[in-house]
Amino acid sequence: MSTGSAPHPKRWIPTYIVLLASLLILAAALALQYLRTGSDSYLVSAAFVAVIAVYTAWSFARLITLKVTPRSLMTLLKCPSCGHEVVRRYREGDMLFSELDACPKCGSKMVAEGIFLKEEKH
């Protein structure tokens, strides 16, 4: 079972593009207002929006180069009688310290000792 519930980070690419375009248009409009009026408040605002645009572009560049590694949810089962351990894929209803499967060595119930994510190899 893969961790499909977490949203894929690259789904934000269109949002970053729209945000970056909007910030650039706003910075250009404020710069033009400064040139028309000569008011320093427009220049300061344009510089502030430009800084935000640069940060957004940097974040967008990091997002594009992001590598998402597939992971699986695993359950660690341990037999309290003989100490045998088994790692298997997580199943719906697995809870820590609950008795789950039968031990393949001695037949007693195994206890869930851990639930963790494991990176899948390609």
PDB file of N, CA and C in Angstrom:
ATOM      1  N   MET A   1       0.849  -1.172   0.000  1.00  0.00           N
ATOM      2  CA  MET A   1       0.000   0.000   0.000  1.00  0.00           C
ATOM      3  C   MET A   1       0.891   1.230   0.000  1.00  0.00           C
ATOM      4  N   SER A   2       0.730   2.026  -0.964  1.00  0.00           N
ATOM      5  CA  SER A   2       1.536   3.233  -1.058  1.00  0.00           C
ATOM      6  C   SER A   2       0.838   4.360  -0.304  1.00  0.00           C
ATOM      7  N   THR A   3       1.580   5.391   0.030  1.00  0.00           N
ATOM      8  CA  THR A   3       1.018   6.500   0.798  1.00  0.00           C
ATOM      9  C   THR A   3       0.343   7.481  -0.135  1.00  0.00           C
ATOM     10  N   GLY A   4      -0.732   7.060  -0.765  1.00  0.00           N
ATOM     11  CA  GLY A   4      -1.426   7.875  -1.739  1.00  0.00           C
ATOM     12  C   GLY A   4      -2.213   9.023  -1.143  1.00  0.00           C
ATOM     13  N   SER A   5      -2.390   9.055   0.169  1.00  0.00           N
ATOM     14  CA  SER A   5      -3.189  10.100   0.783  1.00  0.00           C
ATOM     15  C   SER A   5      -2.474  11.454   0.762  1.00  0.00           C
ATOM     16  N   ALA A   6      -1.150  11.446   0.733  1.00  0.00           N
ATOM     17  CA  ALA A   6      -0.398  12.702   0.698  1.00  0.00           C
ATOM     18  C   ALA A   6      -0.436  13.269  -0.718  1.00  0.00           C
ATOM     19  N   PRO A   7      -0.745  14.558  -0.860  1.00  0.00           N
ATOM     20  CA  PRO A   7      -0.802  15.147  -2.196  1.00  0.00           C
ATOM     21  C   PRO A   7       0.581  15.224  -2.832  1.00  0.00           C
ATOM     22  N   HIS A   8       0.628  15.005  -4.123  1.00  0.00           N
ATOM     23  CA  HIS A   8       1.889  15.075  -4.852  1.00  0.00           C
ATOM     24  C   HIS A   8       2.311  16.531  -4.941  1.00  0.00           C
ATOM     25  N   PRO A   9       3.557  16.854  -4.551  1.00  0.00           N
ATOM     26  CA  PRO A   9       3.989  18.259  -4.525  1.00  0.00           C
ATOM     27  C   PRO A   9       3.931  18.946  -5.886  1.00  0.00           C
ATOM     28  N   LYS A  10       4.109  18.205  -6.963  1.00  0.00           N
ATOM     29  CA  LYS A  10       4.147  18.846  -8.282  1.00  0.00           C
ATOM     30  C   LYS A  10       2.766  19.283  -8.766  1.00  0.00           C
ATOM     31  N   ARG A  11       1.723  18.957  -7.997  1.00  0.00           N
ATOM     32  CA  ARG A  11       0.396  19.440  -8.384  1.00  0.00           C
ATOM     33  C   ARG A  11       0.280  20.945  -8.155  1.00  0.00           C
ATOM     34  N   TRP A  12       1.240  21.527  -7.449  1.00  0.00           N
ATOM     35  CA  TRP A  12       1.239  22.958  -7.181  1.00  0.00           C
ATOM     36  C   TRP A  12       1.864  23.776  -8.305  1.00  0.00           C
ATOM     37  N   ILE A  13       2.385  23.146  -9.343  1.00  0.00           N
ATOM     38  CA  ILE A  13       3.064  23.869 -10.432  1.00  0.00           C
ATOM     39  C   ILE A  13       2.160  24.933 -11.065  1.00  0.00           C
ATOM     40  N   PRO A  14       0.904  24.632 -11.446  1.00  0.00           N
ATOM     41  CA  PRO A  14       0.067  25.698 -12.027  1.00  0.00           C
ATOM     42  C   PRO A  14      -0.158  26.864 -11.061  1.00  0.00           C
ATOM     43  N   THR A  15      -0.285  26.581  -9.785  1.00  0.00           N
ATOM     44  CA  THR A  15      -0.480  27.647  -8.795  1.00  0.00           C
ATOM     45  C   THR A  15       0.737  28.557  -8.743  1.00  0.00           C
ATOM     46  N   TYR A  16       1.931  27.956  -8.741  1.00  0.00           N
ATOM     47  CA  TYR A  16       3.162  28.759  -8.733  1.00  0.00           C
ATOM     48  C   TYR A  16       3.267  29.618  -9.992  1.00  0.00           C
ATOM     49  N   ILE A  17       2.893  29.070 -11.147  1.00  0.00           N
ATOM     50  CA  ILE A  17       2.986  29.827 -12.400  1.00  0.00           C
ATOM     51  C   ILE A  17       2.055  31.034 -12.365  1.00  0.00           C
ATOM     52  N   VAL A  18       0.806  30.819 -11.921  1.00  0.00           N
ATOM     53  CA  VAL A  18      -0.156  31.928 -11.847  1.00  0.00           C
ATOM     54  C   VAL A  18       0.309  32.968 -10.832  1.00  0.00           C
ATOM     55  N   LEU A  19       0.777  32.522  -9.669  1.00  0.00           N
ATOM     56  CA  LEU A  19       1.258  33.449  -8.634  1.00  0.00           C
ATOM     57  C   LEU A  19       2.448  34.260  -9.129  1.00  0.00           C
ATOM     58  N   LEU A  20       3.403  33.595  -9.771  1.00  0.00           N
ATOM     59  CA  LEU A  20       4.589  34.292 -10.260  1.00  0.00           C
ATOM     60  C   LEU A  20       4.224  35.311 -11.347  1.00  0.00           C
ATOM     61  N   ALA A  21       3.340  34.927 -12.269  1.00  0.00           N
ATOM     62  CA  ALA A  21       2.910  35.868 -13.316  1.00  0.00           C
ATOM     63  C   ALA A  21       2.188  37.064 -12.710  1.00  0.00           C
ATOM     64  N   SER A  22       1.334  36.817 -11.736  1.00  0.00           N
ATOM     65  CA  SER A  22       0.604  37.916 -11.079  1.00  0.00           C
ATOM     66  C   SER A  22       1.558  38.867 -10.365  1.00  0.00           C
ATOM     67  N   LEU A  23       2.538  38.308  -9.669  1.00  0.00           N
ATOM     68  CA  LEU A  23       3.503  39.154  -8.964  1.00  0.00           C
ATOM     69  C   LEU A  23       4.333  39.998  -9.927  1.00  0.00           C
ATOM     70  N   LEU A  24       4.730  39.405 -11.042  1.00  0.00           N
ATOM     71  CA  LEU A  24       5.511  40.167 -12.033  1.00  0.00           C
ATOM     72  C   LEU A  24       4.683  41.283 -12.649  1.00  0.00           C
ATOM     73  N   ILE A  25       3.415  41.004 -12.944  1.00  0.00           N
ATOM     74  CA  ILE A  25       2.538  42.043 -13.505  1.00  0.00           C
ATOM     75  C   ILE A  25       2.318  43.154 -12.491  1.00  0.00           C
ATOM     76  N   LEU A  26       2.117  42.788 -11.231  1.00  0.00           N
ATOM     77  CA  LEU A  26       1.923  43.790 -10.178  1.00  0.00           C
ATOM     78  C   LEU A  26       3.178  44.640  -9.987  1.00  0.00           C
ATOM     79  N   ALA A  27       4.345  44.005  -9.995  1.00  0.00           N
ATOM     80  CA  ALA A  27       5.593  44.759  -9.844  1.00  0.00           C
ATOM     81  C   ALA A  27       5.784  45.730 -11.016  1.00  0.00           C
ATOM     82  N   ALA A  28       5.460  45.266 -12.226  1.00  0.00           N
ATOM     83  CA  ALA A  28       5.588  46.142 -13.404  1.00  0.00           C
ATOM     84  C   ALA A  28       4.601  47.309 -13.327  1.00  0.00           C
ATOM     85  N   ALA A  29       3.370  47.042 -12.886  1.00  0.00           N
ATOM     86  CA  ALA A  29       2.373  48.116 -12.771  1.00  0.00           C
ATOM     87  C   ALA A  29       2.798  49.141 -11.728  1.00  0.00           C
ATOM     88  N   LEU A  30       3.338  48.677 -10.609  1.00  0.00           N
ATOM     89  CA  LEU A  30       3.801  49.607  -9.581  1.00  0.00           C
ATOM     90  C   LEU A  30       5.001  50.414 -10.057  1.00  0.00           C
ATOM     91  N   ALA A  31       5.900  49.778 -10.818  1.00  0.00           N
ATOM     92  CA  ALA A  31       7.052  50.504 -11.366  1.00  0.00           C
ATOM     93  C   ALA A  31       6.590  51.569 -12.362  1.00  0.00           C
ATOM     94  N   LEU A  32       5.598  51.256 -13.185  1.00  0.00           N
ATOM     95  CA  LEU A  32       5.063  52.244 -14.128  1.00  0.00           C
ATOM     96  C   LEU A  32       4.383  53.397 -13.388  1.00  0.00           C
ATOM     97  N   GLN A  33       3.673  53.095 -12.314  1.00  0.00           N
ATOM     98  CA  GLN A  33       3.062  54.152 -11.508  1.00  0.00           C
ATOM     99  C   GLN A  33       4.132  55.063 -10.906  1.00  0.00           C
ATOM    100  N   TYR A  34       5.249  54.471 -10.489  1.00  0.00           N
ATOM    101  CA  TYR A  34       6.355  55.283  -9.963  1.00  0.00           C
ATOM    102  C   TYR A  34       6.898  56.205 -11.049  1.00  0.00           C
ATOM    103  N   LEU A  35       7.065  55.660 -12.262  1.00  0.00           N
ATOM    104  CA  LEU A  35       7.584  56.485 -13.356  1.00  0.00           C
ATOM    105  C   LEU A  35       6.613  57.609 -13.717  1.00  0.00           C
ATOM    106  N   ARG A  36       5.301  57.331 -13.633  1.00  0.00           N
ATOM    107  CA  ARG A  36       4.305  58.359 -13.956  1.00  0.00           C
ATOM    108  C   ARG A  36       4.204  59.443 -12.884  1.00  0.00           C
ATOM    109  N   THR A  37       4.212  59.016 -11.621  1.00  0.00           N
ATOM    110  CA  THR A  37       3.952  59.974 -10.549  1.00  0.00           C
ATOM    111  C   THR A  37       5.214  60.444  -9.824  1.00  0.00           C
ATOM    112  N   GLY A  38       6.242  59.608  -9.799  1.00  0.00           N
ATOM    113  CA  GLY A  38       7.450  59.960  -9.068  1.00  0.00           C
ATOM    114  C   GLY A  38       7.322  59.734  -7.569  1.00  0.00           C
ATOM    115  N   SER A  39       6.238  59.114  -7.122  1.00  0.00           N
ATOM    116  CA  SER A  39       6.015  58.860  -5.697  1.00  0.00           C
ATOM    117  C   SER A  39       6.862  57.672  -5.241  1.00  0.00           C
ATOM    118  N   ASP A  40       7.609  57.885  -4.182  1.00  0.00           N
ATOM    119  CA  ASP A  40       8.499  56.833  -3.678  1.00  0.00           C
ATOM    120  C   ASP A  40       7.738  55.633  -3.122  1.00  0.00           C
ATOM    121  N   SER A  41       6.510  55.827  -2.700  1.00  0.00           N
ATOM    122  CA  SER A  41       5.741  54.699  -2.150  1.00  0.00           C
ATOM    123  C   SER A  41       5.504  53.633  -3.227  1.00  0.00           C
ATOM    124  N   TYR A  42       5.322  54.046  -4.476  1.00  0.00           N
ATOM    125  CA  TYR A  42       5.180  53.065  -5.553  1.00  0.00           C
ATOM    126  C   TYR A  42       6.477  52.292  -5.781  1.00  0.00           C
ATOM    127  N   LEU A  43       7.600  52.970  -5.674  1.00  0.00           N
ATOM    128  CA  LEU A  43       8.892  52.324  -5.865  1.00  0.00           C
ATOM    129  C   LEU A  43       9.160  51.304  -4.757  1.00  0.00           C
ATOM    130  N   VAL A  44       8.854  51.675  -3.528  1.00  0.00           N
ATOM    131  CA  VAL A  44       9.046  50.754  -2.407  1.00  0.00           C
ATOM    132  C   VAL A  44       8.135  49.543  -2.556  1.00  0.00           C
ATOM    133  N   SER A  45       6.894  49.786  -2.939  1.00  0.00           N
ATOM    134  CA  SER A  45       5.957  48.681  -3.135  1.00  0.00           C
ATOM    135  C   SER A  45       6.408  47.766  -4.275  1.00  0.00           C
ATOM    136  N   ALA A  46       6.890  48.349  -5.360  1.00  0.00           N
ATOM    137  CA  ALA A  46       7.373  47.551  -6.486  1.00  0.00           C
ATOM    138  C   ALA A  46       8.571  46.703  -6.075  1.00  0.00           C
ATOM    139  N   ALA A  47       9.470  47.279  -5.276  1.00  0.00           N
ATOM    140  CA  ALA A  47      10.635  46.518  -4.802  1.00  0.00           C
ATOM    141  C   ALA A  47      10.206  45.377  -3.886  1.00  0.00           C
ATOM    142  N   PHE A  48       9.243  45.631  -3.008  1.00  0.00           N
ATOM    143  CA  PHE A  48       8.743  44.597  -2.100  1.00  0.00           C
ATOM    144  C   PHE A  48       8.097  43.449  -2.885  1.00  0.00           C
ATOM    145  N   VAL A  49       7.276  43.776  -3.862  1.00  0.00           N
ATOM    146  CA  VAL A  49       6.634  42.749  -4.684  1.00  0.00           C
ATOM    147  C   VAL A  49       7.684  41.997  -5.502  1.00  0.00           C
ATOM    148  N   ALA A  50       8.719  42.688  -5.962  1.00  0.00           N
ATOM    149  CA  ALA A  50       9.788  42.027  -6.713  1.00  0.00           C
ATOM    150  C   ALA A  50      10.531  41.019  -5.835  1.00  0.00           C
ATOM    151  N   VAL A  51      10.755  41.356  -4.571  1.00  0.00           N
ATOM    152  CA  VAL A  51      11.422  40.427  -3.647  1.00  0.00           C
ATOM    153  C   VAL A  51      10.552  39.184  -3.448  1.00  0.00           C
ATOM    154  N   ILE A  52       9.250  39.380  -3.294  1.00  0.00           N
ATOM    155  CA  ILE A  52       8.344  38.242  -3.147  1.00  0.00           C
ATOM    156  C   ILE A  52       8.341  37.394  -4.428  1.00  0.00           C
ATOM    157  N   ALA A  53       8.416  38.036  -5.585  1.00  0.00           N
ATOM    158  CA  ALA A  53       8.454  37.311  -6.852  1.00  0.00           C
ATOM    159  C   ALA A  53       9.728  36.481  -6.973  1.00  0.00           C
ATOM    160  N   VAL A  54      10.841  37.027  -6.532  1.00  0.00           N
ATOM    161  CA  VAL A  54      12.108  36.282  -6.580  1.00  0.00           C
ATOM    162  C   VAL A  54      12.043  35.068  -5.659  1.00  0.00           C
ATOM    163  N   TYR A  55      11.490  35.243  -4.468  1.00  0.00           N
ATOM    164  CA  TYR A  55      11.340  34.111  -3.543  1.00  0.00           C
ATOM    165  C   TYR A  55      10.407  33.048  -4.131  1.00  0.00           C
ATOM    166  N   THR A  56       9.324  33.475  -4.755  1.00  0.00           N
ATOM    167  CA  THR A  56       8.400  32.534  -5.388  1.00  0.00           C
ATOM    168  C   THR A  56       9.084  31.789  -6.528  1.00  0.00           C
ATOM    169  N   ALA A  57       9.884  32.480  -7.328  1.00  0.00           N
ATOM    170  CA  ALA A  57      10.613  31.826  -8.421  1.00  0.00           C
ATOM    171  C   ALA A  57      11.614  30.816  -7.878  1.00  0.00           C
ATOM    172  N   TRP A  58      12.279  31.147  -6.780  1.00  0.00           N
ATOM    173  CA  TRP A  58      13.230  30.223  -6.157  1.00  0.00           C
ATOM    174  C   TRP A  58      12.504  28.976  -5.641  1.00  0.00           C
ATOM    175  N   SER A  59      11.365  29.169  -4.989  1.00  0.00           N
ATOM    176  CA  SER A  59      10.572  28.043  -4.495  1.00  0.00           C
ATOM    177  C   SER A  59      10.069  27.184  -5.646  1.00  0.00           C
ATOM    178  N   PHE A  60       9.672  27.814  -6.734  1.00  0.00           N
ATOM    179  CA  PHE A  60       9.198  27.095  -7.920  1.00  0.00           C
ATOM    180  C   PHE A  60      10.318  26.259  -8.516  1.00  0.00           C
ATOM    181  N   ALA A  61      11.524  26.810  -8.567  1.00  0.00           N
ATOM    182  CA  ALA A  61      12.669  26.067  -9.099  1.00  0.00           C
ATOM    183  C   ALA A  61      12.968  24.849  -8.230  1.00  0.00           C
ATOM    184  N   ARG A  62      12.859  24.989  -6.925  1.00  0.00           N
ATOM    185  CA  ARG A  62      13.064  23.852  -6.016  1.00  0.00           C
ATOM    186  C   ARG A  62      11.983  22.798  -6.216  1.00  0.00           C
ATOM    187  N   LEU A  63      10.749  23.233  -6.447  1.00  0.00           N
ATOM    188  CA  LEU A  63       9.639  22.308  -6.640  1.00  0.00           C
ATOM    189  C   LEU A  63       9.824  21.479  -7.906  1.00  0.00           C
ATOM    190  N   ILE A  64      10.313  22.103  -8.954  1.00  0.00           N
ATOM    191  CA  ILE A  64      10.501  21.401 -10.230  1.00  0.00           C
ATOM    192  C   ILE A  64      11.560  20.313 -10.097  1.00  0.00           C
ATOM    193  N   THR A  65      12.604  20.564  -9.319  1.00  0.00           N
ATOM    194  CA  THR A  65      13.691  19.587  -9.187  1.00  0.00           C
ATOM    195  C   THR A  65      13.442  18.550  -8.095  1.00  0.00           C
ATOM    196  N   LEU A  66      12.302  18.630  -7.421  1.00  0.00           N
ATOM    197  CA  LEU A  66      11.987  17.719  -6.322  1.00  0.00           C
ATOM    198  C   LEU A  66      11.763  16.298  -6.827  1.00  0.00           C
ATOM    199  N   LYS A  67      12.417  15.350  -6.192  1.00  0.00           N
ATOM    200  CA  LYS A  67      12.249  13.936  -6.519  1.00  0.00           C
ATOM    201  C   LYS A  67      11.413  13.287  -5.421  1.00  0.00           C
ATOM    202  N   VAL A  68      10.285  12.702  -5.788  1.00  0.00           N
ATOM    203  CA  VAL A  68       9.414  12.038  -4.828  1.00  0.00           C
ATOM    204  C   VAL A  68       9.706  10.548  -4.885  1.00  0.00           C
ATOM    205  N   THR A  69      10.128   9.989  -3.742  1.00  0.00           N
ATOM    206  CA  THR A  69      10.426   8.563  -3.697  1.00  0.00           C
ATOM    207  C   THR A  69       9.182   7.808  -3.223  1.00  0.00           C
ATOM    208  N   PRO A  70       8.827   6.742  -3.927  1.00  0.00           N
ATOM    209  CA  PRO A  70       7.659   5.967  -3.495  1.00  0.00           C
ATOM    210  C   PRO A  70       7.962   5.231  -2.191  1.00  0.00           C
ATOM    211  N   ARG A  71       6.988   5.214  -1.296  1.00  0.00           N
ATOM    212  CA  ARG A  71       7.155   4.559  -0.005  1.00  0.00           C
ATOM    213  C   ARG A  71       5.938   3.682   0.275  1.00  0.00           C
ATOM    214  N   SER A  72       6.152   2.652   1.090  1.00  0.00           N
ATOM    215  CA  SER A  72       5.076   1.759   1.496  1.00  0.00           C
ATOM    216  C   SER A  72       4.975   1.760   3.008  1.00  0.00           C
ATOM    217  N   LEU A  73       3.765   1.617   3.503  1.00  0.00           N
ATOM    218  CA  LEU A  73       3.530   1.525   4.935  1.00  0.00           C
ATOM    219  C   LEU A  73       3.686   0.066   5.342  1.00  0.00           C
ATOM    220  N   MET A  74       4.540  -0.183   6.331  1.00  0.00           N
ATOM    221  CA  MET A  74       4.866  -1.540   6.766  1.00  0.00           C
ATOM    222  C   MET A  74       4.508  -1.720   8.242  1.00  0.00           C
ATOM    223  N   THR A  75       4.261  -2.979   8.621  1.00  0.00           N
ATOM    224  CA  THR A  75       3.988  -3.343  10.013  1.00  0.00           C
ATOM    225  C   THR A  75       5.033  -4.347  10.473  1.00  0.00           C
ATOM    226  N   LEU A  76       5.623  -4.097  11.635  1.00  0.00           N
ATOM    227  CA  LEU A  76       6.581  -5.022  12.240  1.00  0.00           C
ATOM    228  C   LEU A  76       5.843  -5.856  13.282  1.00  0.00           C
ATOM    229  N   LEU A  77       5.815  -7.175  13.062  1.00  0.00           N
ATOM    230  CA  LEU A  77       5.164  -8.096  13.992  1.00  0.00           C
ATOM    231  C   LEU A  77       6.222  -8.867  14.747  1.00  0.00           C
ATOM    232  N   LYS A  78       6.014  -9.039  16.047  1.00  0.00           N
ATOM    233  CA  LYS A  78       6.966  -9.783  16.873  1.00  0.00           C
ATOM    234  C   LYS A  78       6.194 -10.767  17.754  1.00  0.00           C
ATOM    235  N   CYS A  79       6.691 -11.990  17.819  1.00  0.00           N
ATOM    236  CA  CYS A  79       6.070 -13.022  18.642  1.00  0.00           C
ATOM    237  C   CYS A  79       6.564 -12.863  20.085  1.00  0.00           C
ATOM    238  N   PRO A  80       5.662 -12.716  21.063  1.00  0.00           N
ATOM    239  CA  PRO A  80       6.094 -12.572  22.450  1.00  0.00           C
ATOM    240  C   PRO A  80       6.646 -13.885  23.032  1.00  0.00           C
ATOM    241  N   SER A  81       6.297 -15.005  22.426  1.00  0.00           N
ATOM    242  CA  SER A  81       6.762 -16.303  22.949  1.00  0.00           C
ATOM    243  C   SER A  81       8.178 -16.626  22.508  1.00  0.00           C
ATOM    244  N   CYS A  82       8.395 -16.662  21.177  1.00  0.00           N
ATOM    245  CA  CYS A  82       9.704 -17.093  20.671  1.00  0.00           C
ATOM    246  C   CYS A  82      10.580 -15.947  20.165  1.00  0.00           C
ATOM    247  N   GLY A  83      10.025 -14.727  20.032  1.00  0.00           N
ATOM    248  CA  GLY A  83      10.816 -13.579  19.599  1.00  0.00           C
ATOM    249  C   GLY A  83      10.963 -13.454  18.091  1.00  0.00           C
ATOM    250  N   HIS A  84      10.292 -14.306  17.311  1.00  0.00           N
ATOM    251  CA  HIS A  84      10.362 -14.245  15.848  1.00  0.00           C
ATOM    252  C   HIS A  84       9.746 -12.927  15.358  1.00  0.00           C
ATOM    253  N   GLU A  85      10.416 -12.274  14.385  1.00  0.00           N
ATOM    254  CA  GLU A  85       9.930 -11.001  13.840  1.00  0.00           C
ATOM    255  C   GLU A  85       9.599 -11.144  12.366  1.00  0.00           C
ATOM    256  N   VAL A  86       8.540 -10.491  11.953  1.00  0.00           N
ATOM    257  CA  VAL A  86       8.105 -10.484  10.558  1.00  0.00           C
ATOM    258  C   VAL A  86       7.753  -9.043  10.188  1.00  0.00           C
ATOM    259  N   VAL A  87       8.212  -8.603   9.012  1.00  0.00           N
ATOM    260  CA  VAL A  87       7.832  -7.296   8.474  1.00  0.00           C
ATOM    261  C   VAL A  87       6.946  -7.564   7.272  1.00  0.00           C
ATOM    262  N   ARG A  88       5.743  -6.994   7.291  1.00  0.00           N
ATOM    263  CA  ARG A  88       4.805  -7.171   6.177  1.00  0.00           C
ATOM    264  C   ARG A  88       4.139  -5.844   5.873  1.00  0.00           C
ATOM    265  N   ARG A  89       3.475  -5.796   4.717  1.00  0.00           N
ATOM    266  CA  ARG A  89       2.750  -4.577   4.346  1.00  0.00           C
ATOM    267  C   ARG A  89       1.637  -4.306   5.355  1.00  0.00           C
ATOM    268  N   TYR A  90       1.398  -3.049   5.580  1.00  0.00           N
ATOM    269  CA  TYR A  90       0.342  -2.619   6.494  1.00  0.00           C
ATOM    270  C   TYR A  90      -1.009  -3.055   5.939  1.00  0.00           C
ATOM    271  N   ARG A  91      -1.868  -3.513   6.821  1.00  0.00           N
ATOM    272  CA  ARG A  91      -3.246  -3.844   6.463  1.00  0.00           C
ATOM    273  C   ARG A  91      -4.183  -2.951   7.263  1.00  0.00           C
ATOM    274  N   GLU A  92      -5.317  -2.632   6.687  1.00  0.00           N
ATOM    275  CA  GLU A  92      -6.316  -1.823   7.374  1.00  0.00           C
ATOM    276  C   GLU A  92      -6.665  -2.485   8.706  1.00  0.00           C
ATOM    277  N   GLY A  93      -6.605  -1.732   9.774  1.00  0.00           N
ATOM    278  CA  GLY A  93      -6.913  -2.258  11.098  1.00  0.00           C
ATOM    279  C   GLY A  93      -5.685  -2.580  11.928  1.00  0.00           C
ATOM    280  N   ASP A  94      -4.481  -2.544  11.334  1.00  0.00           N
ATOM    281  CA  ASP A  94      -3.264  -2.777  12.119  1.00  0.00           C
ATOM    282  C   ASP A  94      -3.094  -1.647  13.132  1.00  0.00           C
ATOM    283  N   MET A  95      -2.908  -2.015  14.390  1.00  0.00           N
ATOM    284  CA  MET A  95      -2.683  -1.034  15.448  1.00  0.00           C
ATOM    285  C   MET A  95      -1.515  -1.516  16.296  1.00  0.00           C
ATOM    286  N   LEU A  96      -0.762  -0.561  16.829  1.00  0.00           N
ATOM    287  CA  LEU A  96       0.363  -0.912  17.684  1.00  0.00           C
ATOM    288  C   LEU A  96      -0.108  -1.708  18.903  1.00  0.00           C
ATOM    289  N   PHE A  97       0.690  -2.693  19.273  1.00  0.00           N
ATOM    290  CA  PHE A  97       0.490  -3.535  20.448  1.00  0.00           C
ATOM    291  C   PHE A  97      -0.781  -4.383  20.391  1.00  0.00           C
ATOM    292  N   SER A  98      -1.358  -4.537  19.188  1.00  0.00           N
ATOM    293  CA  SER A  98      -2.515  -5.424  19.051  1.00  0.00           C
ATOM    294  C   SER A  98      -2.028  -6.785  18.548  1.00  0.00           C
ATOM    295  N   GLU A  99      -2.744  -7.839  18.927  1.00  0.00           N
ATOM    296  CA  GLU A  99      -2.408  -9.185  18.472  1.00  0.00           C
ATOM    297  C   GLU A  99      -2.994  -9.368  17.077  1.00  0.00           C
ATOM    298  N   LEU A 100      -2.134  -9.776  16.130  1.00  0.00           N
ATOM    299  CA  LEU A 100      -2.591  -9.862  14.749  1.00  0.00           C
ATOM    300  C   LEU A 100      -2.483 -11.286  14.207  1.00  0.00           C
ATOM    301  N   ASP A 101      -1.411 -11.594  13.498  1.00  0.00           N
ATOM    302  CA  ASP A 101      -1.267 -12.880  12.815  1.00  0.00           C
ATOM    303  C   ASP A 101      -0.687 -13.934  13.749  1.00  0.00           C
ATOM    304  N   ALA A 102      -0.812 -15.191  13.315  1.00  0.00           N
ATOM    305  CA  ALA A 102      -0.200 -16.297  14.064  1.00  0.00           C
ATOM    306  C   ALA A 102       1.275 -16.392  13.695  1.00  0.00           C
ATOM    307  N   CYS A 103       2.098 -16.740  14.673  1.00  0.00           N
ATOM    308  CA  CYS A 103       3.539 -16.885  14.463  1.00  0.00           C
ATOM    309  C   CYS A 103       3.792 -18.120  13.600  1.00  0.00           C
ATOM    310  N   PRO A 104       4.612 -17.998  12.537  1.00  0.00           N
ATOM    311  CA  PRO A 104       4.899 -19.165  11.701  1.00  0.00           C
ATOM    312  C   PRO A 104       5.763 -20.215  12.402  1.00  0.00           C
ATOM    313  N   LYS A 105       6.452 -19.826  13.479  1.00  0.00           N
ATOM    314  CA  LYS A 105       7.322 -20.783  14.189  1.00  0.00           C
ATOM    315  C   LYS A 105       6.585 -21.533  15.296  1.00  0.00           C
ATOM    316  N   CYS A 106       5.892 -20.798  16.187  1.00  0.00           N
ATOM    317  CA  CYS A 106       5.295 -21.461  17.361  1.00  0.00           C
ATOM    318  C   CYS A 106       3.767 -21.437  17.360  1.00  0.00           C
ATOM    319  N   GLY A 107       3.149 -20.643  16.497  1.00  0.00           N
ATOM    320  CA  GLY A 107       1.698 -20.634  16.397  1.00  0.00           C
ATOM    321  C   GLY A 107       0.981 -19.650  17.317  1.00  0.00           C
ATOM    322  N   SER A 108       1.678 -18.972  18.234  1.00  0.00           N
ATOM    323  CA  SER A 108       1.000 -18.007  19.103  1.00  0.00           C
ATOM    324  C   SER A 108       0.765 -16.700  18.349  1.00  0.00           C
ATOM    325  N   LYS A 109      -0.076 -15.839  18.904  1.00  0.00           N
ATOM    326  CA  LYS A 109      -0.403 -14.575  18.244  1.00  0.00           C
ATOM    327  C   LYS A 109       0.790 -13.622  18.285  1.00  0.00           C
ATOM    328  N   MET A 110       1.060 -12.968  17.133  1.00  0.00           N
ATOM    329  CA  MET A 110       2.143 -11.985  17.050  1.00  0.00           C
ATOM    330  C   MET A 110       1.581 -10.605  17.373  1.00  0.00           C
ATOM    331  N   VAL A 111       2.416  -9.764  17.968  1.00  0.00           N
ATOM    332  CA  VAL A 111       2.012  -8.417  18.389  1.00  0.00           C
ATOM    333  C   VAL A 111       2.652  -7.395  17.451  1.00  0.00           C
ATOM    334  N   ALA A 112       1.876  -6.379  17.054  1.00  0.00           N
ATOM    335  CA  ALA A 112       2.397  -5.291  16.208  1.00  0.00           C
ATOM    336  C   ALA A 112       3.311  -4.415  17.053  1.00  0.00           C
ATOM    337  N   GLU A 113       4.603  -4.468  16.772  1.00  0.00           N
ATOM    338  CA  GLU A 113       5.605  -3.699  17.522  1.00  0.00           C
ATOM    339  C   GLU A 113       5.895  -2.347  16.879  1.00  0.00           C
ATOM    340  N   GLY A 114       5.608  -2.219  15.587  1.00  0.00           N
ATOM    341  CA  GLY A 114       5.909  -0.960  14.916  1.00  0.00           C
ATOM    342  C   GLY A 114       5.182  -0.831  13.589  1.00  0.00           C
ATOM    343  N   ILE A 115       4.904   0.402  13.215  1.00  0.00           N
ATOM    344  CA  ILE A 115       4.325   0.732  11.913  1.00  0.00           C
ATOM    345  C   ILE A 115       5.197   1.857  11.360  1.00  0.00           C
ATOM    346  N   PHE A 116       5.732   1.669  10.143  1.00  0.00           N
ATOM    347  CA  PHE A 116       6.694   2.634   9.609  1.00  0.00           C
ATOM    348  C   PHE A 116       6.614   2.690   8.096  1.00  0.00           C
ATOM    349  N   LEU A 117       7.238   3.731   7.525  1.00  0.00           N
ATOM    350  CA  LEU A 117       7.328   3.890   6.072  1.00  0.00           C
ATOM    351  C   LEU A 117       8.655   3.333   5.591  1.00  0.00           C
ATOM    352  N   LYS A 118       8.619   2.615   4.486  1.00  0.00           N
ATOM    353  CA  LYS A 118       9.831   2.057   3.895  1.00  0.00           C
ATOM    354  C   LYS A 118       9.894   2.500   2.443  1.00  0.00           C
ATOM    355  N   GLU A 119      11.075   3.015   2.040  1.00  0.00           N
ATOM    356  CA  GLU A 119      11.242   3.446   0.659  1.00  0.00           C
ATOM    357  C   GLU A 119      11.287   2.236  -0.261  1.00  0.00           C
ATOM    358  N   GLU A 120      10.563   2.321  -1.368  1.00  0.00           N
ATOM    359  CA  GLU A 120      10.565   1.244  -2.343  1.00  0.00           C
ATOM    360  C   GLU A 120      11.726   1.437  -3.293  1.00  0.00           C
ATOM    361  N   LYS A 121      12.380   0.329  -3.648  1.00  0.00           N
ATOM    362  CA  LYS A 121      13.499   0.385  -4.594  1.00  0.00           C
ATOM    363  C   LYS A 121      12.969   0.161  -5.992  1.00  0.00           C
ATOM    364  N   HIS A 122      13.567   0.860  -6.953  1.00  0.00           N
ATOM    365  CA  HIS A 122      13.134   0.733  -8.348  1.00  0.00           C
ATOM    366  C   HIS A 122      13.792  -0.413  -9.010  1.00  0.00           C
TER     367      HIS A 122
END
